[in-house]
N, C-alpha and C. Protein backbone atom coordinates (compact mmCIF):
# COMPACT_ATOMS: atom_id res chain seq x y z
N UNK A 1 -18.77 2.17 4.71
CA UNK A 1 -17.95 1.49 5.68
C UNK A 1 -18.68 1.42 7.03
N UNK A 2 -19.16 2.52 7.56
CA UNK A 2 -19.75 2.52 8.90
C UNK A 2 -21.17 1.98 8.90
N UNK A 3 -21.80 1.85 7.74
CA UNK A 3 -23.17 1.34 7.72
C UNK A 3 -23.22 -0.19 7.71
N UNK A 4 -22.09 -0.84 7.61
CA UNK A 4 -22.04 -2.30 7.59
C UNK A 4 -21.98 -2.84 9.03
N UNK A 5 -22.70 -3.91 9.28
CA UNK A 5 -22.79 -4.46 10.64
C UNK A 5 -21.47 -5.07 11.07
N UNK A 6 -20.67 -5.60 10.12
CA UNK A 6 -19.40 -6.20 10.52
C UNK A 6 -18.43 -5.15 11.05
N UNK A 7 -18.62 -3.90 10.69
CA UNK A 7 -17.80 -2.83 11.25
C UNK A 7 -18.08 -2.71 12.75
N UNK A 8 -19.34 -2.83 13.12
CA UNK A 8 -19.70 -2.79 14.54
C UNK A 8 -19.09 -3.97 15.29
N UNK A 9 -19.15 -5.17 14.69
CA UNK A 9 -18.57 -6.35 15.34
C UNK A 9 -17.07 -6.18 15.52
N UNK A 10 -16.39 -5.69 14.48
CA UNK A 10 -14.94 -5.51 14.58
C UNK A 10 -14.58 -4.41 15.57
N UNK A 11 -15.40 -3.37 15.64
CA UNK A 11 -15.16 -2.31 16.62
C UNK A 11 -15.33 -2.83 18.04
N UNK A 12 -16.32 -3.69 18.26
CA UNK A 12 -16.50 -4.29 19.58
C UNK A 12 -15.33 -5.20 19.95
N UNK A 13 -14.78 -5.92 18.96
CA UNK A 13 -13.61 -6.76 19.20
C UNK A 13 -12.42 -5.89 19.59
N UNK A 14 -12.21 -4.80 18.86
CA UNK A 14 -11.09 -3.90 19.17
C UNK A 14 -11.25 -3.30 20.56
N UNK A 15 -12.45 -2.91 20.91
CA UNK A 15 -12.70 -2.34 22.24
C UNK A 15 -12.48 -3.38 23.34
N UNK A 16 -12.99 -4.59 23.13
CA UNK A 16 -12.83 -5.64 24.14
C UNK A 16 -11.36 -6.02 24.32
N UNK A 17 -10.62 -6.13 23.24
CA UNK A 17 -9.21 -6.51 23.36
C UNK A 17 -8.38 -5.35 23.91
N UNK A 18 -8.80 -4.12 23.64
CA UNK A 18 -8.12 -2.96 24.23
C UNK A 18 -8.32 -2.91 25.74
N UNK A 19 -9.53 -3.22 26.19
CA UNK A 19 -9.80 -3.27 27.64
C UNK A 19 -9.06 -4.45 28.26
N UNK A 20 -9.04 -5.57 27.55
CA UNK A 20 -8.37 -6.78 28.05
C UNK A 20 -6.88 -6.55 28.26
N UNK A 21 -6.28 -5.69 27.46
CA UNK A 21 -4.84 -5.46 27.53
C UNK A 21 -4.41 -4.79 28.84
N UNK A 22 -5.34 -4.18 29.56
CA UNK A 22 -4.99 -3.45 30.79
C UNK A 22 -5.53 -4.09 32.07
N UNK A 23 -6.06 -5.29 31.99
CA UNK A 23 -6.71 -5.91 33.14
C UNK A 23 -5.90 -7.08 33.69
N UNK A 24 -6.17 -7.42 34.95
CA UNK A 24 -5.65 -8.65 35.53
C UNK A 24 -6.52 -9.81 35.04
N UNK A 25 -5.85 -10.86 34.57
CA UNK A 25 -6.57 -11.96 33.93
C UNK A 25 -6.97 -13.04 34.92
N UNK A 26 -6.04 -13.40 35.79
CA UNK A 26 -6.29 -14.53 36.70
C UNK A 26 -5.60 -14.27 38.03
N UNK A 27 -6.01 -15.06 39.02
CA UNK A 27 -5.40 -14.99 40.34
C UNK A 27 -4.97 -16.40 40.74
N UNK A 28 -3.78 -16.48 41.30
CA UNK A 28 -3.24 -17.75 41.78
C UNK A 28 -3.14 -17.66 43.30
N UNK A 29 -3.73 -18.61 43.99
CA UNK A 29 -3.64 -18.66 45.45
C UNK A 29 -2.64 -19.74 45.82
N UNK A 30 -1.60 -19.34 46.55
CA UNK A 30 -0.55 -20.27 46.96
C UNK A 30 -0.97 -21.03 48.21
N UNK A 31 -0.24 -22.08 48.53
CA UNK A 31 -0.53 -22.87 49.73
C UNK A 31 -0.31 -22.07 51.01
N UNK A 32 0.62 -21.12 50.97
CA UNK A 32 0.92 -20.32 52.17
C UNK A 32 -0.13 -19.27 52.45
N UNK A 33 -1.09 -19.10 51.56
CA UNK A 33 -2.12 -18.08 51.75
C UNK A 33 -1.85 -16.81 50.96
N UNK A 34 -0.68 -16.69 50.34
CA UNK A 34 -0.39 -15.52 49.50
C UNK A 34 -1.02 -15.73 48.13
N UNK A 35 -1.06 -14.66 47.37
CA UNK A 35 -1.65 -14.76 46.04
C UNK A 35 -0.79 -14.03 45.02
N UNK A 36 -0.90 -14.43 43.78
CA UNK A 36 -0.23 -13.79 42.66
C UNK A 36 -1.28 -13.49 41.60
N UNK A 37 -1.04 -12.44 40.83
CA UNK A 37 -1.96 -12.03 39.78
C UNK A 37 -1.29 -12.16 38.42
N UNK A 38 -2.05 -12.60 37.45
CA UNK A 38 -1.58 -12.68 36.06
C UNK A 38 -2.21 -11.54 35.29
N UNK A 39 -1.36 -10.68 34.73
CA UNK A 39 -1.87 -9.67 33.82
C UNK A 39 -1.24 -9.93 32.45
N UNK A 40 -1.36 -9.02 31.54
CA UNK A 40 -0.90 -9.25 30.17
C UNK A 40 0.61 -9.22 30.03
N UNK A 41 1.33 -8.77 31.03
CA UNK A 41 2.78 -8.64 30.89
C UNK A 41 3.55 -9.53 31.86
N UNK A 42 2.88 -10.10 32.86
CA UNK A 42 3.60 -10.98 33.78
C UNK A 42 2.74 -11.45 34.92
N UNK A 43 3.34 -12.32 35.71
CA UNK A 43 2.72 -12.81 36.94
C UNK A 43 3.45 -12.11 38.08
N UNK A 44 2.71 -11.38 38.90
CA UNK A 44 3.36 -10.65 39.98
C UNK A 44 2.68 -10.94 41.30
N UNK A 45 3.44 -10.78 42.35
CA UNK A 45 2.97 -11.04 43.71
C UNK A 45 1.94 -9.98 44.08
N UNK A 46 0.83 -10.40 44.63
CA UNK A 46 -0.23 -9.47 44.98
C UNK A 46 0.08 -8.59 46.17
N UNK A 47 0.94 -9.05 47.07
CA UNK A 47 1.23 -8.30 48.28
C UNK A 47 2.23 -7.18 48.04
N UNK A 48 3.35 -7.49 47.40
CA UNK A 48 4.39 -6.48 47.23
C UNK A 48 4.60 -6.05 45.78
N UNK A 49 3.97 -6.69 44.82
CA UNK A 49 4.06 -6.28 43.43
C UNK A 49 5.31 -6.74 42.70
N UNK A 50 6.09 -7.61 43.30
CA UNK A 50 7.29 -8.12 42.64
C UNK A 50 6.90 -9.10 41.53
N UNK A 51 7.61 -8.99 40.42
CA UNK A 51 7.31 -9.84 39.27
C UNK A 51 7.87 -11.24 39.50
N UNK A 52 7.01 -12.23 39.39
CA UNK A 52 7.42 -13.63 39.54
C UNK A 52 7.86 -14.23 38.21
N UNK A 53 7.14 -13.88 37.14
CA UNK A 53 7.39 -14.47 35.82
C UNK A 53 6.91 -13.49 34.76
N UNK A 54 7.70 -13.28 33.74
CA UNK A 54 7.31 -12.37 32.64
C UNK A 54 6.63 -13.15 31.53
N UNK A 55 5.52 -12.63 31.04
CA UNK A 55 4.82 -13.22 29.89
C UNK A 55 4.43 -12.10 28.93
N UNK A 56 5.40 -11.62 28.18
CA UNK A 56 5.15 -10.52 27.25
C UNK A 56 4.26 -10.92 26.09
N UNK A 57 4.22 -12.20 25.76
CA UNK A 57 3.47 -12.64 24.58
C UNK A 57 1.98 -12.35 24.73
N UNK A 58 1.45 -12.45 25.93
CA UNK A 58 0.02 -12.18 26.13
C UNK A 58 -0.29 -10.72 25.83
N UNK A 59 0.54 -9.82 26.32
CA UNK A 59 0.34 -8.39 26.05
C UNK A 59 0.51 -8.04 24.59
N UNK A 60 1.51 -8.63 23.96
CA UNK A 60 1.75 -8.35 22.54
C UNK A 60 0.59 -8.87 21.70
N UNK A 61 0.10 -10.08 21.99
CA UNK A 61 -1.03 -10.61 21.23
C UNK A 61 -2.31 -9.82 21.49
N UNK A 62 -2.47 -9.30 22.70
CA UNK A 62 -3.66 -8.48 22.99
C UNK A 62 -3.64 -7.20 22.16
N UNK A 63 -2.49 -6.53 22.15
CA UNK A 63 -2.39 -5.30 21.36
C UNK A 63 -2.48 -5.58 19.87
N UNK A 64 -1.89 -6.68 19.42
CA UNK A 64 -1.97 -7.06 18.01
C UNK A 64 -3.41 -7.32 17.61
N UNK A 65 -4.17 -7.96 18.49
CA UNK A 65 -5.59 -8.22 18.22
C UNK A 65 -6.40 -6.94 18.17
N UNK A 66 -6.12 -6.03 19.09
CA UNK A 66 -6.84 -4.76 19.12
C UNK A 66 -6.56 -3.94 17.85
N UNK A 67 -5.29 -3.79 17.53
CA UNK A 67 -4.92 -3.02 16.34
C UNK A 67 -5.32 -3.72 15.05
N UNK A 68 -5.28 -5.07 15.07
CA UNK A 68 -5.70 -5.82 13.89
C UNK A 68 -7.18 -5.64 13.60
N UNK A 69 -8.00 -5.64 14.64
CA UNK A 69 -9.44 -5.44 14.45
C UNK A 69 -9.73 -4.03 13.92
N UNK A 70 -8.99 -3.05 14.43
CA UNK A 70 -9.17 -1.68 13.90
C UNK A 70 -8.69 -1.59 12.45
N UNK A 71 -7.62 -2.29 12.13
CA UNK A 71 -7.13 -2.29 10.75
C UNK A 71 -8.07 -3.00 9.79
N UNK A 72 -8.76 -4.02 10.28
CA UNK A 72 -9.70 -4.74 9.42
C UNK A 72 -10.88 -3.88 9.02
N UNK A 73 -11.23 -2.92 9.83
CA UNK A 73 -12.35 -2.05 9.49
C UNK A 73 -12.03 -1.27 8.21
N UNK A 74 -10.78 -0.89 8.05
CA UNK A 74 -10.39 -0.12 6.86
C UNK A 74 -10.30 -0.94 5.58
N UNK A 75 -10.40 -2.24 5.65
CA UNK A 75 -10.31 -3.09 4.46
C UNK A 75 -11.69 -3.40 3.87
N UNK A 76 -12.65 -2.50 4.04
CA UNK A 76 -14.02 -2.78 3.62
C UNK A 76 -14.17 -2.93 2.11
N UNK A 77 -13.25 -2.39 1.33
CA UNK A 77 -13.35 -2.52 -0.13
C UNK A 77 -12.82 -3.85 -0.64
N UNK A 78 -12.01 -4.52 0.17
CA UNK A 78 -11.45 -5.81 -0.21
C UNK A 78 -12.00 -6.87 0.74
N UNK A 79 -13.23 -7.28 0.47
CA UNK A 79 -13.97 -8.14 1.40
C UNK A 79 -13.33 -9.51 1.62
N UNK A 80 -12.81 -10.11 0.58
CA UNK A 80 -12.23 -11.45 0.73
C UNK A 80 -10.96 -11.40 1.59
N UNK A 81 -10.13 -10.40 1.38
CA UNK A 81 -8.95 -10.24 2.23
C UNK A 81 -9.37 -9.94 3.66
N UNK A 82 -10.38 -9.11 3.81
CA UNK A 82 -10.89 -8.78 5.14
C UNK A 82 -11.42 -10.02 5.85
N UNK A 83 -12.10 -10.89 5.10
CA UNK A 83 -12.64 -12.10 5.70
C UNK A 83 -11.52 -13.05 6.12
N UNK A 84 -10.52 -13.22 5.28
CA UNK A 84 -9.40 -14.11 5.61
C UNK A 84 -8.62 -13.60 6.82
N UNK A 85 -8.40 -12.30 6.86
CA UNK A 85 -7.69 -11.74 8.01
C UNK A 85 -8.52 -11.78 9.28
N UNK A 86 -9.84 -11.74 9.14
CA UNK A 86 -10.72 -11.88 10.31
C UNK A 86 -10.59 -13.29 10.88
N UNK A 87 -10.54 -14.28 10.01
CA UNK A 87 -10.35 -15.66 10.48
C UNK A 87 -8.98 -15.81 11.11
N UNK A 88 -7.96 -15.18 10.53
CA UNK A 88 -6.62 -15.22 11.12
C UNK A 88 -6.61 -14.55 12.49
N UNK A 89 -7.32 -13.46 12.64
CA UNK A 89 -7.41 -12.77 13.93
C UNK A 89 -8.10 -13.66 14.97
N UNK A 90 -9.12 -14.39 14.56
CA UNK A 90 -9.78 -15.32 15.48
C UNK A 90 -8.80 -16.41 15.91
N UNK A 91 -7.97 -16.88 15.00
CA UNK A 91 -6.97 -17.89 15.36
C UNK A 91 -5.91 -17.33 16.31
N UNK A 92 -5.54 -16.05 16.11
CA UNK A 92 -4.58 -15.41 17.01
C UNK A 92 -5.16 -15.31 18.42
N UNK A 93 -6.42 -14.91 18.53
CA UNK A 93 -7.05 -14.79 19.85
C UNK A 93 -7.20 -16.17 20.48
N UNK A 94 -7.55 -17.17 19.69
CA UNK A 94 -7.65 -18.53 20.21
C UNK A 94 -6.28 -19.03 20.69
N UNK A 95 -5.25 -18.73 19.93
CA UNK A 95 -3.89 -19.09 20.35
C UNK A 95 -3.47 -18.37 21.62
N UNK A 96 -3.90 -17.13 21.76
CA UNK A 96 -3.61 -16.39 22.99
C UNK A 96 -4.28 -17.05 24.19
N UNK A 97 -5.50 -17.50 24.03
CA UNK A 97 -6.19 -18.19 25.12
C UNK A 97 -5.49 -19.50 25.48
N UNK A 98 -5.01 -20.21 24.48
CA UNK A 98 -4.27 -21.45 24.74
C UNK A 98 -2.98 -21.13 25.48
N UNK A 99 -2.30 -20.06 25.08
CA UNK A 99 -1.06 -19.68 25.75
C UNK A 99 -1.32 -19.26 27.21
N UNK A 100 -2.41 -18.56 27.45
CA UNK A 100 -2.78 -18.19 28.83
C UNK A 100 -3.01 -19.45 29.66
N UNK A 101 -3.69 -20.42 29.07
CA UNK A 101 -3.90 -21.69 29.77
C UNK A 101 -2.60 -22.41 30.05
N UNK A 102 -1.68 -22.40 29.09
CA UNK A 102 -0.39 -23.06 29.28
C UNK A 102 0.41 -22.38 30.39
N UNK A 103 0.48 -21.06 30.37
CA UNK A 103 1.22 -20.31 31.38
C UNK A 103 0.61 -20.53 32.77
N UNK A 104 -0.71 -20.53 32.84
CA UNK A 104 -1.38 -20.73 34.12
C UNK A 104 -1.14 -22.13 34.65
N UNK A 105 -1.22 -23.13 33.77
CA UNK A 105 -0.98 -24.50 34.21
C UNK A 105 0.46 -24.68 34.68
N UNK A 106 1.41 -24.12 33.93
CA UNK A 106 2.81 -24.26 34.32
C UNK A 106 3.09 -23.57 35.65
N UNK A 107 2.52 -22.39 35.87
CA UNK A 107 2.74 -21.69 37.13
C UNK A 107 2.11 -22.44 38.29
N UNK A 108 0.90 -22.95 38.09
CA UNK A 108 0.24 -23.71 39.16
C UNK A 108 1.00 -25.00 39.47
N UNK A 109 1.52 -25.66 38.44
CA UNK A 109 2.24 -26.91 38.64
C UNK A 109 3.56 -26.68 39.37
N UNK A 110 4.28 -25.61 39.01
CA UNK A 110 5.58 -25.34 39.61
C UNK A 110 5.48 -24.78 41.03
N UNK A 111 4.40 -24.10 41.35
CA UNK A 111 4.28 -23.43 42.65
C UNK A 111 3.18 -24.00 43.54
N UNK A 112 2.59 -25.10 43.15
CA UNK A 112 1.46 -25.71 43.87
C UNK A 112 0.42 -24.65 44.27
N UNK A 113 -0.08 -23.98 43.27
CA UNK A 113 -1.07 -22.92 43.48
C UNK A 113 -2.40 -23.34 42.85
N UNK A 114 -3.46 -22.71 43.29
CA UNK A 114 -4.77 -22.93 42.67
C UNK A 114 -5.07 -21.74 41.77
N UNK A 115 -5.80 -22.01 40.72
CA UNK A 115 -6.07 -21.03 39.66
C UNK A 115 -7.47 -20.48 39.81
N UNK A 116 -7.61 -19.17 39.72
CA UNK A 116 -8.92 -18.52 39.74
C UNK A 116 -9.06 -17.57 38.58
N UNK A 117 -10.18 -17.65 37.89
CA UNK A 117 -10.42 -16.82 36.71
C UNK A 117 -11.01 -15.48 37.15
N UNK A 118 -10.58 -14.42 36.50
CA UNK A 118 -11.19 -13.10 36.70
C UNK A 118 -11.99 -12.76 35.46
N UNK A 119 -12.92 -11.81 35.58
CA UNK A 119 -13.83 -11.49 34.49
C UNK A 119 -13.15 -11.11 33.17
N UNK A 120 -12.06 -10.33 33.17
CA UNK A 120 -11.48 -9.94 31.88
C UNK A 120 -11.05 -11.11 31.00
N UNK A 121 -10.89 -12.29 31.55
CA UNK A 121 -10.55 -13.45 30.72
C UNK A 121 -11.70 -13.82 29.79
N UNK A 122 -12.90 -13.38 30.10
CA UNK A 122 -14.05 -13.65 29.23
C UNK A 122 -14.04 -12.78 27.98
N UNK A 123 -13.32 -11.66 27.99
CA UNK A 123 -13.35 -10.76 26.84
C UNK A 123 -12.82 -11.39 25.55
N UNK A 124 -11.66 -12.08 25.55
CA UNK A 124 -11.26 -12.74 24.30
C UNK A 124 -12.20 -13.86 23.89
N UNK A 125 -12.82 -14.51 24.87
CA UNK A 125 -13.78 -15.57 24.54
C UNK A 125 -15.01 -14.97 23.87
N UNK A 126 -15.42 -13.78 24.31
CA UNK A 126 -16.54 -13.08 23.69
C UNK A 126 -16.18 -12.61 22.28
N UNK A 127 -14.91 -12.30 22.06
CA UNK A 127 -14.48 -11.81 20.75
C UNK A 127 -14.57 -12.88 19.66
N UNK A 128 -14.42 -14.13 20.01
CA UNK A 128 -14.46 -15.20 19.01
C UNK A 128 -15.80 -15.28 18.28
N UNK A 129 -16.97 -15.29 18.96
CA UNK A 129 -18.22 -15.28 18.21
C UNK A 129 -18.45 -13.97 17.44
N UNK A 130 -17.94 -12.86 17.97
CA UNK A 130 -18.08 -11.59 17.24
C UNK A 130 -17.31 -11.64 15.93
N UNK A 131 -16.12 -12.23 15.95
CA UNK A 131 -15.35 -12.37 14.72
C UNK A 131 -16.02 -13.34 13.75
N UNK A 132 -16.66 -14.38 14.29
CA UNK A 132 -17.41 -15.30 13.43
C UNK A 132 -18.57 -14.57 12.76
N UNK A 133 -19.30 -13.76 13.51
CA UNK A 133 -20.41 -13.01 12.94
C UNK A 133 -19.93 -12.03 11.88
N UNK A 134 -18.79 -11.39 12.11
CA UNK A 134 -18.24 -10.45 11.14
C UNK A 134 -17.83 -11.17 9.86
N UNK A 135 -17.17 -12.31 9.98
CA UNK A 135 -16.74 -13.06 8.79
C UNK A 135 -17.94 -13.58 8.01
N UNK A 136 -18.95 -14.03 8.72
CA UNK A 136 -20.15 -14.52 8.04
C UNK A 136 -20.84 -13.40 7.26
N UNK A 137 -20.86 -12.21 7.84
CA UNK A 137 -21.49 -11.08 7.15
C UNK A 137 -20.66 -10.63 5.95
N UNK A 138 -19.34 -10.75 6.06
CA UNK A 138 -18.47 -10.40 4.92
C UNK A 138 -18.72 -11.35 3.76
N UNK A 139 -18.92 -12.63 4.04
CA UNK A 139 -19.23 -13.60 2.99
C UNK A 139 -20.57 -13.24 2.35
N UNK A 140 -21.54 -12.87 3.16
CA UNK A 140 -22.84 -12.48 2.64
C UNK A 140 -22.73 -11.26 1.72
N UNK A 141 -21.97 -10.25 2.14
CA UNK A 141 -21.78 -9.06 1.31
C UNK A 141 -21.10 -9.40 -0.01
N UNK A 142 -20.11 -10.28 0.04
CA UNK A 142 -19.39 -10.65 -1.18
C UNK A 142 -20.30 -11.39 -2.15
N UNK A 143 -21.12 -12.30 -1.64
CA UNK A 143 -22.04 -13.00 -2.54
C UNK A 143 -23.09 -12.06 -3.10
N UNK A 144 -23.50 -11.08 -2.33
CA UNK A 144 -24.47 -10.09 -2.81
C UNK A 144 -23.86 -9.24 -3.93
N UNK A 145 -22.62 -8.83 -3.76
CA UNK A 145 -21.95 -8.02 -4.79
C UNK A 145 -21.72 -8.84 -6.05
N UNK A 146 -21.32 -10.09 -5.90
CA UNK A 146 -21.11 -10.95 -7.08
C UNK A 146 -22.43 -11.22 -7.80
N UNK A 147 -23.51 -11.40 -7.07
CA UNK A 147 -24.82 -11.62 -7.70
C UNK A 147 -25.26 -10.37 -8.44
N UNK A 148 -25.03 -9.19 -7.88
CA UNK A 148 -25.44 -7.96 -8.57
C UNK A 148 -24.57 -7.73 -9.80
N UNK A 149 -23.30 -8.09 -9.77
CA UNK A 149 -22.45 -7.97 -10.93
C UNK A 149 -22.88 -8.95 -12.02
N UNK A 150 -23.32 -10.10 -11.66
CA UNK A 150 -23.78 -11.09 -12.63
C UNK A 150 -25.05 -10.59 -13.32
N UNK A 151 -25.91 -9.89 -12.59
CA UNK A 151 -27.15 -9.36 -13.19
C UNK A 151 -26.83 -8.22 -14.16
N UNK A 152 -25.78 -7.45 -13.88
CA UNK A 152 -25.42 -6.32 -14.76
C UNK A 152 -24.85 -6.80 -16.08
N UNK A 153 -24.15 -7.92 -16.05
CA UNK A 153 -23.49 -8.40 -17.28
C UNK A 153 -24.42 -9.11 -18.21
């Protein structure tokens, strides 16, 4: 299990999504000069910390992605299921990014604010190629096992 390279990729995805779950994602600058921050659980005012809008889905999807990547490591004996769930996890992270974009656009449109990206928003984007590399390696392992079984028979 630990000698496979896809385990390293999945562990990096779990680590990145775990870090992403506790960071501020974006900053919104209002026309009045005040600012609001978007984290995984809501949009809150930067000056006094009052919650402007709740977005629990981002936090739930972040934790689901983190725990899902850790769970995928344990499925090393069932490579095809592991590969399919890896692709599903990539779709979940992609959907989370789309939802972040939708929430940010709606907040900017309703409050005439400008949007600024913070570094932690890059973590889910980095996870997508890592999941692709893991799925590709799982396919390679499965074809290798099937070829060796064909030689034995």
